[in-house]
């Protein structure tokens, strides 16, 4: 099928073997690639209830049908697994050149399963594949390991690696790529580390991606680049990047301060876009991108591609620190040790509040920069207090208390958008397929950055659903989040590339199918309505400063709109997709899966009702 090599490279790390098998083209027609196809493979191949850090879990690297072509903004790679942080399905993407290297090496997907008996790295050079000893790399930080590997095997190609956090199977560990890119959320690094894989190095040059009409496709993608990407609407990406959000969210009153105790701080301007522009050295882009969102900065002795908005706010105001050099250093340290900046910063801020409220002494208080530096290393190496902190806020709050201000959803810490300043984010967070995440739906764009109504939940269920479907299919085609193209442009590109008509309606339906698939996986793991919620702080405590002073989300309004969300999706009121909806979407519902999903969820719901009574 055009757009695909029809090749999956599957590694059995236990046996140190690999094989090449055909891509399931039936699944590719329904789920396309990237997020959707990776989730489909994981759903079909994983038994319910497995330990995410066991050899039975899989790590799936998925490209999209447009990856490696001249289509703009197609430099993302999807990584799918069962999350050790949440036990949910987890898909995280990483930018750079790695996705093009995989495609030009001739593969649509790479699957890692089993566990090596000792540390290894994988080298893929077109048809030449090897699993090599990595004892000399094990224990190194991610940057040091990648640079050493390049010295040994050459600087061509691209590398994915884990740092000490991944080696120690920390649930908030990430996978690094090309030094400063990360697949950051849900502990994908821990899964790679659990398989004893330190790095994957790929060089591809032999297999171009075939499209139906090469000349026509080249002209079409050129037109889109000039008329749809390099436009005034996208100027902020090219000239600034996500740092432009610092002032916008602070002025909007939803920029987290001191573990989400407030949403505004008059000192936040110290970390705004203008200040980061002063230390920016140049811009950087992923493969095939005309936007170049990456900012390469130097603050003191610290050099970094970044930091992004979320890292700035969560390592800055949310730790009560207003120091641009420190925030940059925080990001560098997390990248090098292989930690998700969002989860790491949120967990440290929770520990700070616990200490200051004398609920449990974690030995760190707000504003203590030196302690934060120390704790990053302790978390990554699972030493001392860092071992418990590495488990994340959900685990800590269940052991020590402070559940009301443990800022996570289903075990994944929240990004830097306080939902009391954007009520729709409560629905987006609660129903995200990987927990506390803004990448499935981001109502902030409509409620705060546009002319929407941020302090009501009315209509936010449908808004969130529309965003979730759109992002699901967009991330399955592996198109960057920052290109705000419509279904019409996606359909046009896909039709020209694949040589068969792809309609806007087909793409939107695929997005719905993908989102229902991820929900089925999570229901199969026992998740239901009780889990679709937000931290108690959001419902119980009002914000104190700025335009959102006095704002909190009424729980009854949230529950009403959550019920509406289920109704609109044709899920039952426990959040389980109805069989009729799955059949409408053309999804296979086998008897065994039905019983697992529905009986597990009903039993859980009944048990929860009994406990409540």
Protein backbone atom coordinates (compact mmCIF):
# COMPACT_ATOMS: atom_id res chain seq x y z
CA UNK A 1 0.00 0.00 0.00
CA UNK A 2 1.44 3.38 -0.99
CA UNK A 3 2.68 5.41 1.95
CA UNK A 4 3.89 2.30 3.75
CA UNK A 5 6.93 0.03 3.41
CA UNK A 6 4.81 -2.83 4.78
CA UNK A 7 7.61 -3.78 7.18
CA UNK A 8 7.62 -4.12 10.97
CA UNK A 9 10.95 -4.77 12.71
CA UNK A 10 10.26 -6.83 15.85
CA UNK A 11 12.90 -7.51 18.52
CA UNK A 12 12.75 -10.35 21.03
CA UNK A 13 15.27 -9.01 23.52
CA UNK A 14 15.12 -12.08 25.73
CA UNK A 15 16.45 -14.22 22.89
CA UNK A 16 18.44 -11.36 21.34
CA UNK A 17 16.72 -12.02 18.06
CA UNK A 18 14.76 -9.98 15.56
CA UNK A 19 12.55 -10.53 12.57
CA UNK A 20 10.86 -8.51 9.87
CA UNK A 21 7.15 -9.08 9.34
CA UNK A 22 4.43 -7.48 7.20
CA UNK A 23 2.55 -4.50 8.58
CA UNK A 24 -1.09 -5.25 9.30
CA UNK A 25 -2.51 -3.22 6.41
CA UNK A 26 -6.11 -3.74 7.52
CA UNK A 27 -5.25 -1.97 10.77
CA UNK A 28 -3.29 0.68 8.86
CA UNK A 29 -6.41 1.50 6.82
CA UNK A 30 -8.38 2.11 10.02
CA UNK A 31 -5.72 3.68 12.26
CA UNK A 32 -3.18 5.04 9.70
CA UNK A 33 0.02 5.08 11.77
CA UNK A 34 1.64 6.82 14.73
CA UNK A 35 -0.63 7.04 17.79
CA UNK A 36 -3.55 5.07 16.35
CA UNK A 37 -1.65 2.16 14.84
CA UNK A 38 0.71 1.87 17.81
CA UNK A 39 -2.28 1.69 20.15
CA UNK A 40 -3.99 -0.91 17.98
CA UNK A 41 -0.93 -3.18 18.06
CA UNK A 42 -0.59 -2.73 21.83
CA UNK A 43 -4.28 -3.40 22.45
CA UNK A 44 -4.24 -6.59 20.40
CA UNK A 45 -0.91 -7.95 21.63
CA UNK A 46 -0.96 -7.17 25.36
CA UNK A 47 -2.80 -9.30 27.90
CA UNK A 48 -4.82 -7.28 30.44
CA UNK A 49 -3.27 -6.73 33.83
CA UNK A 50 0.40 -7.16 32.95
CA UNK A 51 3.06 -5.27 34.92
CA UNK A 52 4.26 -2.37 32.74
CA UNK A 53 7.85 -3.06 33.83
CA UNK A 54 7.70 -6.76 33.06
CA UNK A 55 9.12 -8.38 29.90
CA UNK A 56 5.51 -8.87 28.74
CA UNK A 57 5.07 -5.15 28.10
CA UNK A 58 6.02 -3.78 24.69
CA UNK A 59 7.59 -0.58 23.45
CA UNK A 60 6.29 0.36 20.00
CA UNK A 61 7.91 2.98 17.76
CA UNK A 62 5.48 4.05 15.03
CA UNK A 63 5.88 6.28 12.00
CA UNK A 64 3.03 7.76 9.95
CA UNK A 65 2.10 7.44 6.28
CA UNK A 66 3.43 10.97 5.63
CA UNK A 67 6.65 10.50 7.65
CA UNK A 68 9.77 11.00 5.58
CA UNK A 69 7.91 12.73 2.73
CA UNK A 70 7.96 16.39 1.74
CA UNK A 71 4.76 17.02 3.75
CA UNK A 72 5.38 19.92 6.16
CA UNK A 73 5.80 19.37 9.90
CA UNK A 74 6.07 15.57 9.79
CA UNK A 75 9.10 15.10 12.09
CA UNK A 76 7.37 13.32 14.99
CA UNK A 77 7.83 9.70 16.09
CA UNK A 78 5.19 7.96 18.21
CA UNK A 79 6.17 5.73 21.15
CA UNK A 80 3.43 3.55 22.65
CA UNK A 81 3.44 1.33 25.72
CA UNK A 82 1.56 0.55 28.91
CA UNK A 83 2.50 3.27 31.39
CA UNK A 84 4.30 2.34 34.63
CA UNK A 85 3.15 5.69 36.07
CA UNK A 86 -0.57 5.12 35.52
CA UNK A 87 -1.24 1.58 34.21
CA UNK A 88 -3.03 3.32 31.33
CA UNK A 89 -2.27 3.07 27.65
CA UNK A 90 0.44 5.63 26.95
CA UNK A 91 1.51 7.26 23.70
CA UNK A 92 4.23 9.88 23.71
CA UNK A 93 5.84 11.55 20.72
CA UNK A 94 9.34 12.84 20.08
CA UNK A 95 10.55 15.24 17.41
CA UNK A 96 13.79 15.47 15.48
CA UNK A 97 15.12 13.34 12.62
CA UNK A 98 14.68 9.85 14.11
CA UNK A 99 11.35 9.24 12.35
CA UNK A 100 12.87 9.96 8.93
CA UNK A 101 15.82 7.65 9.69
CA UNK A 102 13.41 4.80 10.48
CA UNK A 103 11.47 5.37 7.28
CA UNK A 104 14.57 5.59 5.10
CA UNK A 105 15.87 2.40 6.72
CA UNK A 106 12.73 0.77 5.33
CA UNK A 107 10.47 0.31 8.37
CA UNK A 108 7.02 1.53 9.36
CA UNK A 109 7.24 0.33 12.94
CA UNK A 110 9.74 -1.08 15.46
CA UNK A 111 8.52 -3.26 18.35
CA UNK A 112 10.60 -4.13 21.41
CA UNK A 113 9.46 -7.04 23.58
CA UNK A 114 11.04 -9.25 26.23
CA UNK A 115 14.08 -8.25 28.29
CA UNK A 116 17.80 -8.50 27.62
CA UNK A 117 19.86 -10.31 30.25
CA UNK A 118 22.39 -7.47 30.34
CA UNK A 119 22.52 -3.88 29.01
CA UNK A 120 22.40 -3.55 25.21
CA UNK A 121 22.00 -0.99 22.50
CA UNK A 122 20.37 -1.58 19.14
CA UNK A 123 21.95 -0.46 15.89
CA UNK A 124 19.93 -0.33 12.68
CA UNK A 125 21.60 0.70 9.43
CA UNK A 126 19.11 -0.01 6.64
CA UNK A 127 19.05 -3.84 6.36
CA UNK A 128 21.91 -4.31 8.83
CA UNK A 129 20.60 -4.89 12.35
CA UNK A 130 22.52 -5.72 15.51
CA UNK A 131 22.03 -5.95 19.27
CA UNK A 132 25.27 -4.89 20.91
CA UNK A 133 26.68 -4.91 24.43
CA UNK A 134 26.12 -1.63 26.33
CA UNK A 135 27.79 -2.35 29.66
CA UNK A 136 30.16 0.57 29.04
CA UNK A 137 27.20 2.92 28.54
CA UNK A 138 25.05 1.73 31.44
CA UNK A 139 25.11 4.19 34.31
CA UNK A 140 25.94 7.16 32.10
CA UNK A 141 23.69 10.17 31.79
CA UNK A 142 21.75 10.30 28.55
CA UNK A 143 23.86 13.02 26.94
CA UNK A 144 27.15 11.33 27.83
CA UNK A 145 25.94 7.97 26.51
CA UNK A 146 24.70 9.43 23.23
CA UNK A 147 27.93 11.32 22.60
CA UNK A 148 30.06 8.28 23.45
CA UNK A 149 27.97 6.09 21.16
CA UNK A 150 28.42 8.57 18.33
CA UNK A 151 32.19 8.51 18.87
CA UNK A 152 32.12 4.72 18.59
CA UNK A 153 29.82 4.21 15.61
CA UNK A 154 29.71 7.57 13.85
CA UNK A 155 27.71 10.77 13.93
CA UNK A 156 25.36 9.94 11.05
CA UNK A 157 21.82 8.92 11.91
CA UNK A 158 19.87 9.58 15.10
CA UNK A 159 19.85 8.11 18.60
CA UNK A 160 17.23 7.44 21.25
CA UNK A 161 18.56 6.85 24.77
CA UNK A 162 17.61 6.65 28.43
CA UNK A 163 19.41 8.20 31.36
CA UNK A 164 19.83 6.87 34.91
CA UNK A 165 16.12 7.47 35.56
CA UNK A 166 15.19 5.00 32.81
CA UNK A 167 17.79 2.50 33.98
CA UNK A 168 16.29 2.67 37.48
CA UNK A 169 12.79 2.26 36.04
CA UNK A 170 11.59 5.55 37.47
CA UNK A 171 7.90 5.98 36.50
CA UNK A 172 8.54 9.58 35.42
CA UNK A 173 11.51 8.79 33.17
CA UNK A 174 11.61 9.81 29.53
CA UNK A 175 13.34 8.74 26.32
CA UNK A 176 15.80 11.29 24.94
CA UNK A 177 16.51 11.86 21.29
CA UNK A 178 19.29 13.85 19.67
CA UNK A 179 20.28 15.25 23.08
CA UNK A 180 17.49 17.75 23.64
CA UNK A 181 14.30 16.07 22.41
CA UNK A 182 12.14 13.92 24.68
CA UNK A 183 9.27 11.50 24.66
CA UNK A 184 8.49 12.82 28.07
CA UNK A 185 5.34 11.56 29.68
CA UNK A 186 4.09 8.40 31.34
CA UNK A 187 7.42 6.67 31.99
CA UNK A 188 8.31 5.42 28.51
CA UNK A 189 11.97 5.62 29.59
CA UNK A 190 11.29 3.20 32.44
CA UNK A 191 9.88 0.64 30.01
CA UNK A 192 12.95 0.96 27.76
CA UNK A 193 15.19 0.67 30.83
CA UNK A 194 13.27 -2.36 32.12
CA UNK A 195 14.21 -4.11 28.89
CA UNK A 196 17.88 -3.26 29.51
CA UNK A 197 18.02 -1.18 26.32
CA UNK A 198 20.26 1.87 26.81
CA UNK A 199 19.98 3.26 23.29
CA UNK A 200 18.68 2.73 19.76
CA UNK A 201 20.73 4.16 16.92
CA UNK A 202 19.26 4.29 13.41
CA UNK A 203 20.69 5.33 10.06
CA UNK A 204 18.47 5.11 7.00
CA UNK A 205 19.32 5.91 3.41
CA UNK A 206 18.16 3.03 1.24
CA UNK A 207 14.36 3.14 1.09
CA UNK A 208 12.50 6.27 -0.03
CA UNK A 209 8.83 6.64 0.84
CA UNK A 210 6.62 5.99 -2.18
CA UNK A 211 3.61 8.17 -2.88
CA UNK A 212 1.04 7.90 -5.64
CA UNK A 213 1.96 11.03 -7.61
CA UNK A 214 5.42 12.23 -6.66
CA UNK A 215 5.42 15.35 -8.85
CA UNK A 216 1.93 16.35 -7.77
CA UNK A 217 2.69 15.63 -4.14
CA UNK A 218 5.85 17.76 -4.19
CA UNK A 219 3.95 20.68 -5.69
CA UNK A 220 1.07 20.28 -3.25
CA UNK A 221 3.34 20.17 -0.20
CA UNK A 222 5.23 23.22 -1.46
CA UNK A 223 1.94 25.09 -1.79
CA UNK A 224 0.89 24.09 1.74
CA UNK A 225 4.23 25.18 3.14
CA UNK A 226 3.98 28.61 1.52
CA UNK A 227 0.27 29.26 1.97
CA UNK A 228 -0.72 27.29 5.07
CA UNK A 229 2.40 26.90 7.24
CA UNK A 230 4.51 30.01 6.70
CA UNK A 231 1.62 32.35 7.43
CA UNK A 232 0.90 35.19 9.82
CA UNK A 233 -1.11 32.85 12.07
CA UNK A 234 2.02 30.76 12.68
CA UNK A 235 4.45 33.64 13.15
CA UNK A 236 4.52 33.08 16.90
CA UNK A 237 5.96 29.59 16.40
CA UNK A 238 8.73 30.80 14.11
CA UNK A 239 9.66 33.96 15.97
CA UNK A 240 9.02 32.96 19.56
CA UNK A 241 7.94 29.42 20.44
CA UNK A 242 6.00 28.25 23.49
CA UNK A 243 7.72 30.83 25.72
CA UNK A 244 5.12 33.28 24.41
CA UNK A 245 2.56 31.54 26.64
CA UNK A 246 4.24 32.64 29.88
CA UNK A 247 2.66 36.11 29.98
CA UNK A 248 -0.60 34.94 28.42
CA UNK A 249 -1.35 32.31 31.07
CA UNK A 250 -0.12 34.46 33.94
CA UNK A 251 -2.32 37.35 32.86
CA UNK A 252 -5.14 34.84 32.35
CA UNK A 253 -4.75 33.63 35.93
CA UNK A 254 -4.04 29.96 35.23
CA UNK A 255 -0.24 29.85 35.62
CA UNK A 256 0.51 27.48 38.54
CA UNK A 257 2.27 28.92 41.60
CA UNK A 258 3.56 26.95 44.64
CA UNK A 259 1.98 23.62 43.71
CA UNK A 260 -1.11 25.17 42.11
CA UNK A 261 -1.98 27.21 45.20
CA UNK A 262 -2.47 30.24 42.95
CA UNK A 263 -2.65 31.14 39.26
CA UNK A 264 -0.88 34.51 39.07
CA UNK A 265 2.40 36.01 40.25
CA UNK A 266 3.70 39.50 39.54
CA UNK A 267 7.29 38.15 39.29
CA UNK A 268 6.54 35.68 36.47
CA UNK A 269 7.54 38.27 33.84
CA UNK A 270 11.15 37.53 34.84
CA UNK A 271 10.72 34.25 32.91
CA UNK A 272 8.72 35.53 29.95
CA UNK A 273 9.33 35.36 26.22
CA UNK A 274 11.27 38.62 26.03
CA UNK A 275 13.75 37.40 28.66
CA UNK A 276 14.36 34.10 26.88
CA UNK A 277 14.81 35.88 23.55
CA UNK A 278 17.73 37.73 25.15
CA UNK A 279 19.60 34.45 25.74
CA UNK A 280 18.54 32.65 22.54
CA UNK A 281 21.43 31.76 20.23
CA UNK A 282 19.52 30.27 17.31
CA UNK A 283 16.43 28.33 16.22
CA UNK A 284 16.12 24.63 15.45
CA UNK A 285 13.57 22.55 13.57
CA UNK A 286 12.59 18.90 13.28
CA UNK A 287 12.82 16.99 9.99
CA UNK A 288 10.56 18.40 7.29
CA UNK A 289 9.38 21.38 9.35
CA UNK A 290 9.06 24.97 8.17
CA UNK A 291 8.17 26.34 11.60
CA UNK A 292 11.30 25.66 13.66
CA UNK A 293 9.77 26.07 17.13
CA UNK A 294 12.95 25.04 18.97
CA UNK A 295 14.83 27.78 20.82
CA UNK A 296 18.49 27.05 21.54
CA UNK A 297 19.48 29.12 24.56
CA UNK A 298 22.54 29.66 26.74
CA UNK A 299 22.05 30.78 30.34
CA UNK A 300 25.35 31.04 32.15
CA UNK A 301 27.12 27.74 31.52
CA UNK A 302 23.91 25.92 30.64
CA UNK A 303 23.15 25.20 26.97
CA UNK A 304 19.77 23.81 25.93
CA UNK A 305 17.21 23.47 23.18
CA UNK A 306 14.31 24.80 25.20
CA UNK A 307 12.95 25.24 27.77
CA UNK A 308 9.32 24.90 26.75
CA UNK A 309 6.48 26.74 28.47
CA UNK A 310 5.48 23.89 30.79
CA UNK A 311 9.04 23.42 32.06
CA UNK A 312 9.46 27.17 32.64
CA UNK A 313 6.34 27.54 34.77
CA UNK A 314 6.58 24.28 36.71
CA UNK A 315 10.29 24.69 37.50
CA UNK A 316 9.79 28.42 38.09
CA UNK A 317 6.69 29.88 39.79
CA UNK A 318 5.39 26.45 40.81
CA UNK A 319 8.59 25.93 42.85
CA UNK A 320 8.53 29.63 43.85
CA UNK A 321 11.74 30.25 41.92
CA UNK A 322 12.18 33.19 39.52
CA UNK A 323 15.65 32.70 38.04
CA UNK A 324 16.07 32.17 34.30
CA UNK A 325 19.45 30.47 34.68
CA UNK A 326 18.06 28.04 37.26
CA UNK A 327 15.02 27.17 35.14
CA UNK A 328 17.33 26.44 32.20
CA UNK A 329 19.60 24.35 34.42
CA UNK A 330 16.59 22.43 35.78
CA UNK A 331 15.64 21.46 32.23
CA UNK A 332 19.22 20.48 31.34
CA UNK A 333 19.53 18.27 34.43
CA UNK A 334 16.19 16.56 33.82
CA UNK A 335 17.10 15.90 30.18
CA UNK A 336 20.52 14.54 31.08
CA UNK A 337 19.22 12.26 33.84
CA UNK A 338 16.21 11.30 31.72
CA UNK A 339 13.33 12.78 33.73
CA UNK A 340 10.02 14.25 32.59
CA UNK A 341 10.27 17.92 33.59
CA UNK A 342 6.52 18.16 34.25
CA UNK A 343 6.23 15.20 36.61
CA UNK A 344 9.55 15.93 38.29
CA UNK A 345 8.72 19.57 39.03
CA UNK A 346 5.17 18.81 40.16
CA UNK A 347 6.35 16.06 42.51
CA UNK A 348 8.99 18.31 44.06
CA UNK A 349 6.44 21.12 44.52
CA UNK A 350 4.07 18.67 46.22
CA UNK A 351 6.91 17.62 48.55
CA UNK A 352 7.61 21.29 49.30
CA UNK A 353 4.00 21.93 50.29
CA UNK A 354 3.86 18.76 52.38
CA UNK A 355 6.98 19.89 54.24
CA UNK A 356 5.78 23.45 54.82
CA UNK A 357 2.38 22.24 56.03
CA UNK A 358 4.16 19.79 58.37
CA UNK A 359 2.21 16.82 57.05
CA UNK A 360 5.42 14.98 56.16
CA UNK A 361 8.95 16.32 56.12
CA UNK A 362 10.56 15.67 52.74
CA UNK A 363 13.43 17.99 53.60
CA UNK A 364 12.70 20.62 50.96
CA UNK A 365 10.78 23.90 50.95
CA UNK A 366 9.63 26.34 48.27
CA UNK A 367 12.38 28.38 46.64
CA UNK A 368 15.31 26.14 47.63
CA UNK A 369 17.28 25.96 44.39
CA UNK A 370 20.21 23.93 45.70
CA UNK A 371 17.86 21.34 47.16
CA UNK A 372 16.03 21.04 43.84
CA UNK A 373 19.31 20.37 42.02
CA UNK A 374 20.18 17.70 44.58
CA UNK A 375 16.72 16.09 44.42
CA UNK A 376 16.75 15.76 40.62
CA UNK A 377 19.77 13.46 40.87
CA UNK A 378 18.32 11.59 43.85
CA UNK A 379 15.04 10.99 41.99
CA UNK A 380 16.82 9.75 38.86
CA UNK A 381 19.11 7.42 40.79
CA UNK A 382 16.40 6.34 43.28
CA UNK A 383 18.64 7.18 46.23
CA UNK A 384 17.59 8.44 49.66
CA UNK A 385 14.45 10.56 49.62
CA UNK A 386 14.62 10.40 45.83
CA UNK A 387 13.44 6.78 45.78
CA UNK A 388 10.02 7.70 47.15
CA UNK A 389 9.79 10.96 45.22
CA UNK A 390 10.48 9.03 42.01
CA UNK A 391 7.16 7.22 42.51
CA UNK A 392 5.23 10.45 41.83
CA UNK A 393 2.55 12.44 43.62
CA UNK A 394 -0.21 9.83 43.53
CA UNK A 395 1.97 7.20 45.25
CA UNK A 396 3.26 9.72 47.79
CA UNK A 397 -0.18 11.08 48.66
CA UNK A 398 -1.55 7.58 49.19
CA UNK A 399 1.28 6.87 51.65
CA UNK A 400 1.67 10.21 53.44
CA UNK A 401 -1.51 12.22 52.80
CA UNK A 402 -2.08 15.52 51.06
CA UNK A 403 -4.33 13.93 48.44
CA UNK A 404 -6.30 17.16 48.04
CA UNK A 405 -3.23 18.93 46.61
CA UNK A 406 -1.52 16.02 44.85
CA UNK A 407 -1.81 17.56 41.40
CA UNK A 408 -2.27 14.57 39.11
CA UNK A 409 -4.98 12.73 37.19
CA UNK A 410 -4.77 8.94 37.29
CA UNK A 411 -1.14 9.15 38.38
CA UNK A 412 0.13 11.57 35.72
CA UNK A 413 1.07 14.99 37.06
CA UNK A 414 -0.64 18.05 35.56
CA UNK A 415 0.97 20.37 33.01
CA UNK A 416 1.11 24.12 33.62
CA UNK A 417 -2.55 25.02 33.11
CA UNK A 418 -4.66 25.44 36.24
CA UNK A 419 -8.21 24.37 35.31
CA UNK A 420 -9.70 26.93 37.69
CA UNK A 421 -8.70 29.49 35.06
CA UNK A 422 -9.95 27.35 32.17
CA UNK A 423 -12.86 25.19 33.32
CA UNK A 424 -12.88 23.08 30.17
CA UNK A 425 -9.50 21.69 31.19
CA UNK A 426 -11.21 19.69 33.94
CA UNK A 427 -13.03 17.64 31.29
CA UNK A 428 -9.90 17.42 29.14
CA UNK A 429 -7.71 16.26 32.03
CA UNK A 430 -10.30 13.86 33.43
CA UNK A 431 -10.94 12.10 30.11
CA UNK A 432 -7.44 12.16 28.64
CA UNK A 433 -6.42 8.63 27.67
CA UNK A 434 -3.06 8.92 29.48
CA UNK A 435 -4.05 10.88 32.59
CA UNK A 436 -3.17 14.51 33.38
CA UNK A 437 -2.33 15.74 29.89
CA UNK A 438 -3.10 18.74 27.67
CA UNK A 439 -2.08 17.07 24.40
CA UNK A 440 -5.39 15.24 23.87
CA UNK A 441 -7.54 18.33 24.26
CA UNK A 442 -6.53 21.89 25.11
CA UNK A 443 -9.58 24.09 25.83
CA UNK A 444 -7.19 26.85 26.97
CA UNK A 445 -6.83 27.76 23.29
CA UNK A 446 -10.54 28.59 23.01
CA UNK A 447 -11.27 29.69 26.57
CA UNK A 448 -8.28 31.91 27.36
CA UNK A 449 -6.28 32.63 24.21
CA UNK A 450 -9.42 33.31 22.12
CA UNK A 451 -12.79 34.81 22.94
CA UNK A 452 -14.32 31.84 24.77
CA UNK A 453 -15.92 31.63 28.20
CA UNK A 454 -13.34 30.18 30.62
CA UNK A 455 -15.48 30.08 33.77
CA UNK A 456 -18.29 27.81 32.69
CA UNK A 457 -18.49 24.12 31.83
CA UNK A 458 -21.46 24.45 29.52
CA UNK A 459 -20.57 23.11 26.07
CA UNK A 460 -17.10 21.98 27.12
CA UNK A 461 -17.86 18.27 26.68
CA UNK A 462 -18.40 18.66 22.93
CA UNK A 463 -15.44 21.04 22.64
CA UNK A 464 -13.19 18.46 24.30
CA UNK A 465 -14.50 15.58 22.18
CA UNK A 466 -13.86 17.53 18.98
CA UNK A 467 -10.30 18.31 20.09
CA UNK A 468 -9.66 14.71 21.12
CA UNK A 469 -10.78 13.33 17.75
CA UNK A 470 -8.76 15.92 15.84
CA UNK A 471 -5.57 15.35 17.80
CA UNK A 472 -5.96 11.56 17.69
CA UNK A 473 -5.94 11.44 13.91
CA UNK A 474 -3.42 14.24 13.50
CA UNK A 475 -0.96 12.42 15.77
CA UNK A 476 -1.62 9.20 13.86
CA UNK A 477 -0.54 10.92 10.65
CA UNK A 478 2.41 12.19 12.76
CA UNK A 479 1.82 15.86 11.95
CA UNK A 480 3.19 18.33 14.48
CA UNK A 481 0.82 19.92 16.98
CA UNK A 482 1.91 23.42 15.93
CA UNK A 483 0.60 23.19 12.37
CA UNK A 484 -3.05 24.10 12.79
CA UNK A 485 -4.25 22.50 9.57
CA UNK A 486 -7.83 21.39 9.08
CA UNK A 487 -9.32 18.00 8.20
CA UNK A 488 -9.55 19.24 4.60
CA UNK A 489 -5.78 19.70 4.30
CA UNK A 490 -5.07 16.36 6.01
CA UNK A 491 -7.48 14.61 3.64
CA UNK A 492 -5.94 16.32 0.62
CA UNK A 493 -2.39 15.30 1.58
CA UNK A 494 -3.39 11.73 2.37
CA UNK A 495 -5.35 11.33 -0.88
CA UNK A 496 -2.41 12.57 -2.95
CA UNK A 497 0.08 10.41 -1.06
CA UNK A 498 -1.90 7.15 -0.91
CA UNK A 499 -3.59 7.32 -4.28
CA UNK A 500 -7.04 6.61 -2.85
CA UNK A 501 -9.65 9.08 -1.73
CA UNK A 502 -9.50 9.99 1.94
CA UNK A 503 -12.36 12.23 3.04
CA UNK A 504 -12.61 14.67 5.92
CA UNK A 505 -15.42 12.55 7.36
CA UNK A 506 -13.24 9.43 7.20
CA UNK A 507 -10.46 11.17 9.10
CA UNK A 508 -12.77 12.48 11.80
CA UNK A 509 -14.30 9.03 12.20
CA UNK A 510 -10.80 7.57 12.50
CA UNK A 511 -10.06 10.01 15.31
CA UNK A 512 -13.18 8.83 17.12
CA UNK A 513 -12.21 5.20 16.52
CA UNK A 514 -8.72 5.77 17.93
CA UNK A 515 -10.06 7.49 21.03
CA UNK A 516 -12.55 4.71 21.69
CA UNK A 517 -9.76 2.16 21.27
CA UNK A 518 -7.65 3.83 23.95
CA UNK A 519 -10.70 3.97 26.21
CA UNK A 520 -11.30 0.26 25.69
CA UNK A 521 -7.72 -0.48 26.71
CA UNK A 522 -8.09 1.57 29.89
CA UNK A 523 -11.47 0.06 30.75
CA UNK A 524 -9.92 -3.37 30.26
CA UNK A 525 -7.43 -2.37 32.96
CA UNK A 526 -10.30 -1.53 35.34
CA UNK A 527 -10.58 2.24 34.90
CA UNK A 528 -14.04 3.79 34.98
CA UNK A 529 -15.96 6.93 35.95
CA UNK A 530 -14.52 7.21 39.44
CA UNK A 531 -11.09 7.71 37.88
CA UNK A 532 -12.29 10.47 35.52
CA UNK A 533 -11.77 13.36 37.90
CA UNK A 534 -9.39 16.14 38.89
CA UNK A 535 -7.47 16.98 42.08
CA UNK A 536 -9.65 18.08 45.00
CA UNK A 537 -7.87 21.44 45.12
CA UNK A 538 -9.60 22.34 41.83
CA UNK A 539 -13.05 21.82 43.36
CA UNK A 540 -12.46 22.98 46.94
CA UNK A 541 -10.00 25.89 46.90
CA UNK A 542 -10.43 29.23 45.16
CA UNK A 543 -7.53 30.95 43.45
CA UNK A 544 -6.26 34.03 45.27
CA UNK A 545 -4.75 36.52 42.81
CA UNK A 546 -5.16 38.12 39.43
CA UNK A 547 -8.22 37.90 37.19
CA UNK A 548 -9.11 34.43 38.51
CA UNK A 549 -9.15 35.40 42.20
CA UNK A 550 -12.06 33.60 43.85
CA UNK A 551 -12.45 31.07 41.03
CA UNK A 552 -12.90 27.34 41.59
CA UNK A 553 -14.74 24.65 39.62
CA UNK A 554 -18.11 23.62 41.13
CA UNK A 555 -18.04 19.85 41.43
CA UNK A 556 -21.72 19.46 40.56
CA UNK A 557 -21.15 21.35 37.29
CA UNK A 558 -18.18 19.11 36.50
CA UNK A 559 -20.13 15.90 37.17
CA UNK A 560 -23.03 17.13 35.05
CA UNK A 561 -20.76 17.93 32.10
CA UNK A 562 -18.87 14.65 32.52
CA UNK A 563 -22.20 12.81 32.22
CA UNK A 564 -22.93 14.87 29.13
CA UNK A 565 -19.51 13.90 27.74
CA UNK A 566 -20.36 10.21 28.17
CA UNK A 567 -23.77 10.68 26.54
CA UNK A 568 -22.31 12.50 23.55
CA UNK A 569 -19.71 9.75 23.12
CA UNK A 570 -22.34 6.99 23.47
CA UNK A 571 -20.57 5.57 26.50
CA UNK A 572 -22.58 4.41 29.49
CA UNK A 573 -22.60 6.52 32.64
CA UNK A 574 -19.72 4.52 34.06
CA UNK A 575 -17.64 5.66 31.09
CA UNK A 576 -17.67 2.37 29.17
CA UNK A 577 -18.07 2.53 25.34
CA UNK A 578 -21.34 0.93 24.27
CA UNK A 579 -21.17 -2.06 21.97
CA UNK A 580 -23.36 -0.26 19.43
CA UNK A 581 -20.87 2.63 19.24
CA UNK A 582 -17.93 0.27 18.71
CA UNK A 583 -19.79 -1.58 15.96
CA UNK A 584 -20.70 1.75 14.33
CA UNK A 585 -16.98 2.59 14.25
CA UNK A 586 -16.16 -0.73 12.61
CA UNK A 587 -14.25 -1.97 15.64
CA UNK A 588 -13.97 -5.67 16.35
CA UNK A 589 -15.50 -6.57 19.70
CA UNK A 590 -14.70 -10.16 20.49
CA UNK A 591 -16.54 -12.01 23.21
CA UNK A 592 -13.47 -12.42 25.40
CA UNK A 593 -12.67 -8.72 25.24
CA UNK A 594 -16.28 -7.77 25.91
CA UNK A 595 -16.39 -9.83 29.07
CA UNK A 596 -13.06 -8.48 30.29
CA UNK A 597 -14.08 -4.88 29.67
CA UNK A 598 -17.65 -4.89 30.81
CA UNK A 599 -17.50 -7.34 33.71
CA UNK A 600 -14.35 -5.74 35.16
CA UNK A 601 -15.86 -2.28 34.92
CA UNK A 602 -19.26 -3.27 36.29
CA UNK A 603 -17.65 -5.14 39.18
CA UNK A 604 -15.48 -2.12 39.95
CA UNK A 605 -18.45 0.24 39.76
CA UNK A 606 -20.52 -1.97 42.06
CA UNK A 607 -17.68 -2.25 44.53
CA UNK A 608 -17.26 1.52 44.57
CA UNK A 609 -20.99 2.04 45.14
CA UNK A 610 -20.87 -0.46 48.01
CA UNK A 611 -17.95 1.34 49.62
CA UNK A 612 -19.72 4.69 49.25
CA UNK A 613 -22.88 3.33 50.86
